[in-house]
């Protein structure tokens, strides 16, 4: 009788371990991380990677509410309230984080580049922005994503 609960708990713990590994991969890929709403227990986590003309980003509200996106970079682009995107994925952390990690280099043939309105899931509520901590990538990591994706998707 208790077996289903044990399986459910084990699966949840396993999910958290995999999500942790994927978050580490995003950080190792050179993303800047924004902890919104408090450093110890953030209400949202946003991670960004800036290309020459685009920005890849992830908005994490909980493990089932994660959005990954790419937008064209402009001087007025707002990390917490993007207006348009060229690509977007929303869902469970496992799939959204994998999607952003596997998104092709912006210069790759077939890379998404058609703008459309940004979905509401990418917006970080204003009350979460009263306290924002920023963690920049360690030196040397910023180039890692560009190099990895260039090798994976040669133009």
N, C-alpha and C. Protein backbone atom coordinates (compact mmCIF):
# COMPACT_ATOMS: atom_id res chain seq x y z
N UNK A 1 0.82 -1.20 0.00
CA UNK A 1 0.00 0.00 0.00
C UNK A 1 0.86 1.26 0.00
N UNK A 2 2.00 1.25 0.68
CA UNK A 2 2.84 2.44 0.72
C UNK A 2 3.78 2.53 -0.48
N UNK A 3 3.88 1.49 -1.27
CA UNK A 3 4.79 1.47 -2.39
C UNK A 3 4.59 2.63 -3.38
N UNK A 4 3.35 2.94 -3.79
CA UNK A 4 3.18 4.07 -4.72
C UNK A 4 3.73 5.38 -4.16
N UNK A 5 3.55 5.64 -2.88
CA UNK A 5 4.07 6.86 -2.28
C UNK A 5 5.58 6.86 -2.31
N UNK A 6 6.18 5.71 -2.00
CA UNK A 6 7.63 5.61 -2.02
C UNK A 6 8.15 5.85 -3.43
N UNK A 7 7.50 5.28 -4.41
CA UNK A 7 7.91 5.51 -5.80
C UNK A 7 7.77 6.97 -6.16
N UNK A 8 6.68 7.56 -5.78
CA UNK A 8 6.45 8.97 -6.09
C UNK A 8 7.54 9.83 -5.47
N UNK A 9 7.88 9.59 -4.21
CA UNK A 9 8.91 10.38 -3.54
C UNK A 9 10.26 10.15 -4.21
N UNK A 10 10.58 8.90 -4.53
CA UNK A 10 11.86 8.60 -5.16
C UNK A 10 11.97 9.28 -6.52
N UNK A 11 10.88 9.28 -7.27
CA UNK A 11 10.87 9.93 -8.57
C UNK A 11 11.08 11.43 -8.40
N UNK A 12 10.43 12.01 -7.40
CA UNK A 12 10.56 13.45 -7.16
C UNK A 12 12.00 13.80 -6.79
N UNK A 13 12.62 13.01 -5.93
CA UNK A 13 14.01 13.25 -5.54
C UNK A 13 14.91 13.11 -6.77
N UNK A 14 14.65 12.09 -7.58
CA UNK A 14 15.43 11.89 -8.80
C UNK A 14 15.26 13.08 -9.75
N UNK A 15 14.03 13.58 -9.89
CA UNK A 15 13.78 14.76 -10.72
C UNK A 15 14.60 15.94 -10.23
N UNK A 16 14.62 16.16 -8.91
CA UNK A 16 15.35 17.30 -8.36
C UNK A 16 16.84 17.17 -8.62
N UNK A 17 17.38 15.96 -8.54
CA UNK A 17 18.79 15.74 -8.84
C UNK A 17 19.10 16.06 -10.29
N UNK A 18 18.24 15.61 -11.19
CA UNK A 18 18.44 15.88 -12.61
C UNK A 18 18.30 17.38 -12.90
N UNK A 19 17.33 18.02 -12.28
CA UNK A 19 17.14 19.46 -12.47
C UNK A 19 18.36 20.21 -11.94
N UNK A 20 18.87 19.80 -10.80
CA UNK A 20 20.09 20.40 -10.24
C UNK A 20 21.25 20.28 -11.24
N UNK A 21 21.41 19.10 -11.83
CA UNK A 21 22.48 18.89 -12.82
C UNK A 21 22.28 19.79 -14.03
N UNK A 22 21.04 19.94 -14.48
CA UNK A 22 20.77 20.79 -15.65
C UNK A 22 21.01 22.26 -15.31
N UNK A 23 20.65 22.68 -14.10
CA UNK A 23 20.94 24.06 -13.69
C UNK A 23 22.45 24.30 -13.64
N UNK A 24 23.19 23.33 -13.15
CA UNK A 24 24.65 23.45 -13.13
C UNK A 24 25.19 23.55 -14.56
N UNK A 25 24.60 22.80 -15.48
CA UNK A 25 25.03 22.86 -16.88
C UNK A 25 24.77 24.24 -17.48
N UNK A 26 23.64 24.85 -17.14
CA UNK A 26 23.32 26.20 -17.61
C UNK A 26 24.36 27.18 -17.07
N UNK A 27 24.67 27.09 -15.79
CA UNK A 27 25.67 27.98 -15.19
C UNK A 27 27.04 27.73 -15.85
N UNK A 28 27.39 26.46 -16.06
CA UNK A 28 28.68 26.12 -16.68
C UNK A 28 28.74 26.58 -18.14
N UNK A 29 27.58 26.79 -18.75
CA UNK A 29 27.52 27.27 -20.14
C UNK A 29 27.73 28.78 -20.23
N UNK A 30 27.92 29.44 -19.09
CA UNK A 30 28.23 30.86 -19.10
C UNK A 30 27.06 31.80 -18.91
N UNK A 31 25.94 31.31 -18.41
CA UNK A 31 24.78 32.16 -18.17
C UNK A 31 24.98 33.02 -16.93
N UNK A 32 24.46 34.24 -16.97
CA UNK A 32 24.37 35.11 -15.80
C UNK A 32 23.08 34.74 -15.09
N UNK A 33 23.11 34.62 -13.77
CA UNK A 33 21.94 34.18 -13.00
C UNK A 33 21.42 35.33 -12.13
N UNK A 34 20.11 35.54 -12.16
CA UNK A 34 19.43 36.56 -11.36
C UNK A 34 18.51 35.83 -10.37
N UNK A 35 18.74 36.04 -9.08
CA UNK A 35 17.89 35.47 -8.04
C UNK A 35 16.91 36.56 -7.63
N UNK A 36 15.64 36.36 -7.94
CA UNK A 36 14.62 37.39 -7.74
C UNK A 36 13.76 37.09 -6.52
N UNK A 37 13.67 38.06 -5.60
CA UNK A 37 12.82 37.91 -4.44
C UNK A 37 13.54 37.38 -3.22
N UNK A 38 14.83 37.39 -3.23
CA UNK A 38 15.60 36.93 -2.08
C UNK A 38 16.63 35.91 -2.48
N UNK A 39 17.83 36.07 -1.98
CA UNK A 39 18.94 35.21 -2.37
C UNK A 39 18.80 33.79 -1.82
N UNK A 40 18.30 33.66 -0.60
CA UNK A 40 18.20 32.33 0.03
C UNK A 40 17.03 31.51 -0.52
N UNK A 41 15.90 32.14 -0.70
CA UNK A 41 14.72 31.45 -1.21
C UNK A 41 14.07 32.31 -2.29
N UNK A 42 14.67 32.36 -3.49
CA UNK A 42 14.14 33.22 -4.54
C UNK A 42 12.74 32.80 -5.00
N UNK A 43 11.96 33.78 -5.38
CA UNK A 43 10.63 33.53 -5.93
C UNK A 43 10.72 33.16 -7.40
N UNK A 44 11.78 33.61 -8.06
CA UNK A 44 12.04 33.28 -9.47
C UNK A 44 13.54 33.34 -9.70
N UNK A 45 13.99 32.52 -10.64
CA UNK A 45 15.38 32.54 -11.06
C UNK A 45 15.37 32.80 -12.56
N UNK A 46 16.17 33.76 -12.99
CA UNK A 46 16.30 34.06 -14.41
C UNK A 46 17.78 33.88 -14.76
N UNK A 47 18.05 33.22 -15.87
CA UNK A 47 19.43 33.05 -16.34
C UNK A 47 19.50 33.53 -17.78
N UNK A 48 20.55 34.30 -18.12
CA UNK A 48 20.68 34.86 -19.46
C UNK A 48 22.06 34.58 -20.05
N UNK A 49 22.07 34.41 -21.35
CA UNK A 49 23.32 34.30 -22.11
C UNK A 49 23.18 35.24 -23.30
N UNK A 50 24.10 36.20 -23.39
CA UNK A 50 24.01 37.22 -24.43
C UNK A 50 24.94 36.92 -25.59
N UNK A 51 24.34 36.86 -26.77
CA UNK A 51 25.08 36.74 -28.02
C UNK A 51 25.28 38.16 -28.58
N UNK A 52 25.84 38.26 -29.76
CA UNK A 52 26.02 39.58 -30.37
C UNK A 52 24.68 40.25 -30.65
N UNK A 53 23.71 39.50 -31.22
CA UNK A 53 22.42 40.08 -31.61
C UNK A 53 21.22 39.44 -30.92
N UNK A 54 21.45 38.45 -30.07
CA UNK A 54 20.36 37.71 -29.42
C UNK A 54 20.68 37.51 -27.95
N UNK A 55 19.69 37.09 -27.22
CA UNK A 55 19.89 36.68 -25.83
C UNK A 55 19.06 35.42 -25.59
N UNK A 56 19.69 34.41 -25.02
CA UNK A 56 19.01 33.18 -24.61
C UNK A 56 18.73 33.34 -23.12
N UNK A 57 17.54 32.92 -22.69
CA UNK A 57 17.23 33.09 -21.27
C UNK A 57 16.23 32.07 -20.79
N UNK A 58 16.25 31.87 -19.48
CA UNK A 58 15.36 30.93 -18.81
C UNK A 58 14.73 31.64 -17.64
N UNK A 59 13.42 31.43 -17.44
CA UNK A 59 12.71 31.98 -16.29
C UNK A 59 12.14 30.78 -15.53
N UNK A 60 12.60 30.62 -14.28
CA UNK A 60 12.19 29.49 -13.45
C UNK A 60 11.34 30.01 -12.30
N UNK A 61 10.09 29.57 -12.27
CA UNK A 61 9.20 29.97 -11.17
C UNK A 61 8.99 28.80 -10.21
N UNK A 62 8.97 27.59 -10.71
CA UNK A 62 9.04 26.35 -9.93
C UNK A 62 9.36 25.24 -10.93
N UNK A 63 9.55 24.01 -10.45
CA UNK A 63 10.02 22.97 -11.36
C UNK A 63 9.03 22.64 -12.48
N UNK A 64 7.77 23.00 -12.33
CA UNK A 64 6.78 22.74 -13.36
C UNK A 64 6.45 23.98 -14.18
N UNK A 65 7.05 25.11 -13.85
CA UNK A 65 6.75 26.38 -14.50
C UNK A 65 8.06 27.05 -14.92
N UNK A 66 8.63 26.54 -16.01
CA UNK A 66 9.91 27.05 -16.51
C UNK A 66 9.74 27.40 -17.98
N UNK A 67 10.24 28.57 -18.33
CA UNK A 67 10.21 29.02 -19.72
C UNK A 67 11.62 29.27 -20.19
N UNK A 68 11.91 28.79 -21.38
CA UNK A 68 13.19 29.05 -22.03
C UNK A 68 12.87 29.83 -23.30
N UNK A 69 13.75 30.77 -23.67
CA UNK A 69 13.46 31.60 -24.83
C UNK A 69 14.73 32.18 -25.43
N UNK A 70 14.58 32.66 -26.65
CA UNK A 70 15.62 33.46 -27.31
C UNK A 70 14.91 34.69 -27.85
N UNK A 71 15.56 35.84 -27.67
CA UNK A 71 15.01 37.10 -28.17
C UNK A 71 16.11 37.85 -28.92
N UNK A 72 15.69 38.74 -29.79
CA UNK A 72 16.65 39.66 -30.40
C UNK A 72 17.07 40.67 -29.35
N UNK A 73 18.35 40.93 -29.31
CA UNK A 73 18.89 41.88 -28.35
C UNK A 73 18.70 43.29 -28.87
N UNK A 74 18.20 44.17 -28.01
CA UNK A 74 18.04 45.57 -28.36
C UNK A 74 18.43 46.40 -27.14
N UNK A 75 18.71 47.69 -27.34
CA UNK A 75 19.13 48.52 -26.20
C UNK A 75 18.09 48.58 -25.08
N UNK A 76 16.81 48.41 -25.40
CA UNK A 76 15.77 48.50 -24.37
C UNK A 76 15.24 47.13 -23.94
N UNK A 77 15.95 46.05 -24.28
CA UNK A 77 15.49 44.71 -23.91
C UNK A 77 15.50 44.58 -22.39
N UNK A 78 14.40 44.06 -21.84
CA UNK A 78 14.24 43.92 -20.38
C UNK A 78 14.22 42.44 -20.02
N UNK A 79 15.21 42.02 -19.26
CA UNK A 79 15.35 40.63 -18.86
C UNK A 79 14.12 40.12 -18.10
N UNK A 80 13.41 41.00 -17.40
CA UNK A 80 12.27 40.58 -16.58
C UNK A 80 10.92 40.79 -17.26
N UNK A 81 10.91 41.46 -18.42
CA UNK A 81 9.66 41.71 -19.14
C UNK A 81 9.94 41.84 -20.64
N UNK A 82 10.39 40.75 -21.27
CA UNK A 82 10.65 40.83 -22.71
C UNK A 82 9.35 41.03 -23.48
N UNK A 83 9.42 41.79 -24.55
CA UNK A 83 8.21 42.05 -25.35
C UNK A 83 8.06 41.06 -26.50
N UNK A 84 9.18 40.66 -27.10
CA UNK A 84 9.13 39.72 -28.22
C UNK A 84 10.19 38.65 -28.04
N UNK A 85 9.98 37.53 -28.70
CA UNK A 85 10.95 36.43 -28.72
C UNK A 85 10.98 35.85 -30.13
N UNK A 86 12.05 35.11 -30.42
CA UNK A 86 12.13 34.41 -31.70
C UNK A 86 11.93 32.91 -31.50
N UNK A 87 12.00 32.48 -30.23
CA UNK A 87 11.79 31.07 -29.88
C UNK A 87 11.39 31.02 -28.42
N UNK A 88 10.54 30.04 -28.08
CA UNK A 88 10.07 29.90 -26.71
C UNK A 88 9.67 28.46 -26.44
N UNK A 89 9.96 28.00 -25.22
CA UNK A 89 9.51 26.70 -24.76
C UNK A 89 9.07 26.86 -23.31
N UNK A 90 7.93 26.28 -22.95
CA UNK A 90 7.43 26.36 -21.59
C UNK A 90 7.04 24.97 -21.11
N UNK A 91 7.43 24.64 -19.88
CA UNK A 91 7.04 23.35 -19.33
C UNK A 91 7.83 23.02 -18.08
N UNK A 92 8.02 21.73 -17.86
CA UNK A 92 8.76 21.22 -16.70
C UNK A 92 10.22 21.61 -16.84
N UNK A 93 10.88 21.83 -15.72
CA UNK A 93 12.29 22.26 -15.71
C UNK A 93 13.17 21.33 -16.52
N UNK A 94 12.96 20.04 -16.40
CA UNK A 94 13.80 19.07 -17.12
C UNK A 94 13.83 19.37 -18.61
N UNK A 95 12.67 19.60 -19.19
CA UNK A 95 12.59 19.78 -20.64
C UNK A 95 12.96 21.19 -21.07
N UNK A 96 12.58 22.18 -20.29
CA UNK A 96 12.91 23.57 -20.64
C UNK A 96 14.41 23.81 -20.56
N UNK A 97 15.06 23.29 -19.53
CA UNK A 97 16.50 23.48 -19.40
C UNK A 97 17.26 22.73 -20.49
N UNK A 98 16.80 21.53 -20.81
CA UNK A 98 17.42 20.80 -21.93
C UNK A 98 17.23 21.56 -23.24
N UNK A 99 16.05 22.13 -23.42
CA UNK A 99 15.76 22.86 -24.66
C UNK A 99 16.70 24.05 -24.83
N UNK A 100 16.95 24.81 -23.76
CA UNK A 100 17.83 25.98 -23.88
C UNK A 100 19.27 25.53 -24.09
N UNK A 101 19.67 24.45 -23.44
CA UNK A 101 21.04 23.96 -23.63
C UNK A 101 21.26 23.45 -25.05
N UNK A 102 20.22 22.91 -25.67
CA UNK A 102 20.33 22.34 -27.03
C UNK A 102 19.95 23.31 -28.14
N UNK A 103 19.53 24.50 -27.80
CA UNK A 103 19.14 25.48 -28.81
C UNK A 103 20.35 25.78 -29.70
N UNK A 104 20.18 25.74 -31.02
CA UNK A 104 21.34 25.97 -31.89
C UNK A 104 21.87 27.40 -31.81
N UNK A 105 23.12 27.53 -32.16
CA UNK A 105 23.77 28.84 -32.25
C UNK A 105 22.90 29.75 -33.12
N UNK A 106 22.76 31.03 -32.76
CA UNK A 106 21.90 31.93 -33.54
C UNK A 106 22.29 32.04 -35.02
N UNK A 107 23.56 31.80 -35.35
CA UNK A 107 24.01 31.89 -36.74
C UNK A 107 23.88 30.57 -37.50
N UNK A 108 23.42 29.51 -36.83
CA UNK A 108 23.27 28.22 -37.48
C UNK A 108 22.11 28.24 -38.48
N UNK A 109 22.26 27.51 -39.58
CA UNK A 109 21.13 27.40 -40.51
C UNK A 109 19.92 26.83 -39.78
N UNK A 110 18.79 27.42 -39.99
CA UNK A 110 17.56 26.93 -39.36
C UNK A 110 17.34 27.40 -37.94
N UNK A 111 18.27 28.20 -37.40
CA UNK A 111 18.05 28.72 -36.04
C UNK A 111 16.85 29.65 -36.07
N UNK A 112 16.02 29.62 -35.03
CA UNK A 112 14.82 30.47 -35.03
C UNK A 112 15.19 31.95 -35.08
N UNK A 113 14.42 32.72 -35.87
CA UNK A 113 14.72 34.15 -35.97
C UNK A 113 13.49 34.99 -36.30
N UNK A 114 12.30 34.39 -36.30
CA UNK A 114 11.08 35.14 -36.60
C UNK A 114 10.45 35.63 -35.30
N UNK A 115 10.33 36.94 -35.14
CA UNK A 115 9.81 37.50 -33.88
C UNK A 115 8.31 37.30 -33.73
N UNK A 116 7.91 37.08 -32.49
CA UNK A 116 6.50 37.04 -32.12
C UNK A 116 6.38 37.52 -30.67
N UNK A 117 5.20 37.89 -30.24
CA UNK A 117 5.04 38.41 -28.88
C UNK A 117 5.51 37.40 -27.82
N UNK A 118 6.15 37.92 -26.81
CA UNK A 118 6.62 37.06 -25.71
C UNK A 118 5.44 36.59 -24.88
N UNK A 119 5.40 35.31 -24.53
CA UNK A 119 4.32 34.81 -23.68
C UNK A 119 4.42 35.36 -22.26
N UNK A 120 3.30 35.43 -21.59
CA UNK A 120 3.24 35.96 -20.23
C UNK A 120 4.11 35.16 -19.26
N UNK A 121 4.35 33.89 -19.54
CA UNK A 121 5.15 33.05 -18.65
C UNK A 121 6.58 33.57 -18.49
N UNK A 122 7.03 34.42 -19.40
CA UNK A 122 8.39 34.98 -19.32
C UNK A 122 8.48 36.20 -18.41
N UNK A 123 7.35 36.73 -18.00
CA UNK A 123 7.35 37.93 -17.16
C UNK A 123 7.61 37.56 -15.70
N UNK A 124 8.48 38.33 -15.06
CA UNK A 124 8.73 38.15 -13.63
C UNK A 124 7.94 39.24 -12.91
N UNK A 125 7.02 38.87 -12.01
CA UNK A 125 6.21 39.87 -11.32
C UNK A 125 7.04 40.91 -10.58
N UNK A 126 6.58 42.14 -10.60
CA UNK A 126 7.27 43.25 -9.97
C UNK A 126 7.60 43.03 -8.50
N UNK A 127 6.73 42.35 -7.76
CA UNK A 127 7.00 42.14 -6.33
C UNK A 127 8.23 41.25 -6.11
N UNK A 128 8.62 40.45 -7.11
CA UNK A 128 9.82 39.61 -7.00
C UNK A 128 11.08 40.40 -7.31
N UNK A 129 10.93 41.62 -7.81
CA UNK A 129 12.08 42.40 -8.24
C UNK A 129 12.57 43.39 -7.18
N UNK A 130 11.95 43.37 -6.02
CA UNK A 130 12.38 44.27 -4.94
C UNK A 130 13.77 43.90 -4.44
N UNK A 131 14.10 42.63 -4.55
CA UNK A 131 15.42 42.14 -4.16
C UNK A 131 15.92 41.21 -5.26
N UNK A 132 16.97 41.62 -5.97
CA UNK A 132 17.54 40.81 -7.04
C UNK A 132 19.05 40.70 -6.83
N UNK A 133 19.53 39.47 -6.75
CA UNK A 133 20.97 39.22 -6.66
C UNK A 133 21.43 38.71 -8.01
N UNK A 134 22.57 39.20 -8.47
CA UNK A 134 23.10 38.80 -9.78
C UNK A 134 24.39 38.02 -9.58
N UNK A 135 24.47 36.88 -10.24
CA UNK A 135 25.68 36.07 -10.20
C UNK A 135 26.22 35.96 -11.62
N UNK A 136 27.33 36.63 -11.84
CA UNK A 136 27.98 36.61 -13.16
C UNK A 136 28.72 35.29 -13.33
N UNK A 137 28.87 34.85 -14.59
CA UNK A 137 29.61 33.61 -14.82
C UNK A 137 31.09 33.79 -14.48
N UNK A 138 31.72 32.70 -14.10
CA UNK A 138 33.15 32.74 -13.83
C UNK A 138 33.89 33.08 -15.13
N UNK A 139 35.01 33.76 -15.03
CA UNK A 139 35.79 34.09 -16.24
C UNK A 139 36.09 32.83 -17.04
N UNK A 140 35.96 32.93 -18.33
CA UNK A 140 36.23 31.80 -19.22
C UNK A 140 35.00 31.01 -19.58
N UNK A 141 33.93 31.09 -18.78
CA UNK A 141 32.74 30.31 -19.08
C UNK A 141 31.87 30.94 -20.17
N UNK A 142 31.94 32.25 -20.32
CA UNK A 142 31.07 32.92 -21.29
C UNK A 142 31.32 32.40 -22.70
N UNK A 143 32.57 32.16 -23.04
CA UNK A 143 32.88 31.67 -24.39
C UNK A 143 32.53 30.20 -24.58
N UNK A 144 32.32 29.47 -23.49
CA UNK A 144 32.07 28.02 -23.59
C UNK A 144 30.82 27.71 -24.42
N UNK A 145 29.72 28.40 -24.17
CA UNK A 145 28.48 28.13 -24.90
C UNK A 145 28.65 28.39 -26.40
N UNK A 146 29.23 29.53 -26.74
CA UNK A 146 29.42 29.87 -28.15
C UNK A 146 30.29 28.82 -28.83
N UNK A 147 31.35 28.41 -28.17
CA UNK A 147 32.24 27.41 -28.76
C UNK A 147 31.54 26.06 -28.88
N UNK A 148 30.84 25.64 -27.84
CA UNK A 148 30.14 24.35 -27.85
C UNK A 148 29.10 24.30 -28.95
N UNK A 149 28.30 25.36 -29.07
CA UNK A 149 27.24 25.36 -30.08
C UNK A 149 27.79 25.56 -31.48
N UNK A 150 28.89 26.28 -31.64
CA UNK A 150 29.52 26.43 -32.95
C UNK A 150 30.02 25.08 -33.45
N UNK A 151 30.60 24.29 -32.55
CA UNK A 151 31.10 22.99 -32.93
C UNK A 151 29.97 22.01 -33.22
N UNK A 152 28.88 22.13 -32.47
CA UNK A 152 27.73 21.22 -32.64
C UNK A 152 26.93 21.55 -33.88
N UNK A 153 26.89 22.80 -34.27
CA UNK A 153 26.07 23.26 -35.40
C UNK A 153 26.90 24.17 -36.32
N UNK A 154 27.87 23.61 -37.05
CA UNK A 154 28.68 24.48 -37.89
C UNK A 154 27.83 25.18 -38.95
N UNK A 155 28.12 26.45 -39.18
CA UNK A 155 27.34 27.25 -40.14
C UNK A 155 27.64 26.86 -41.56
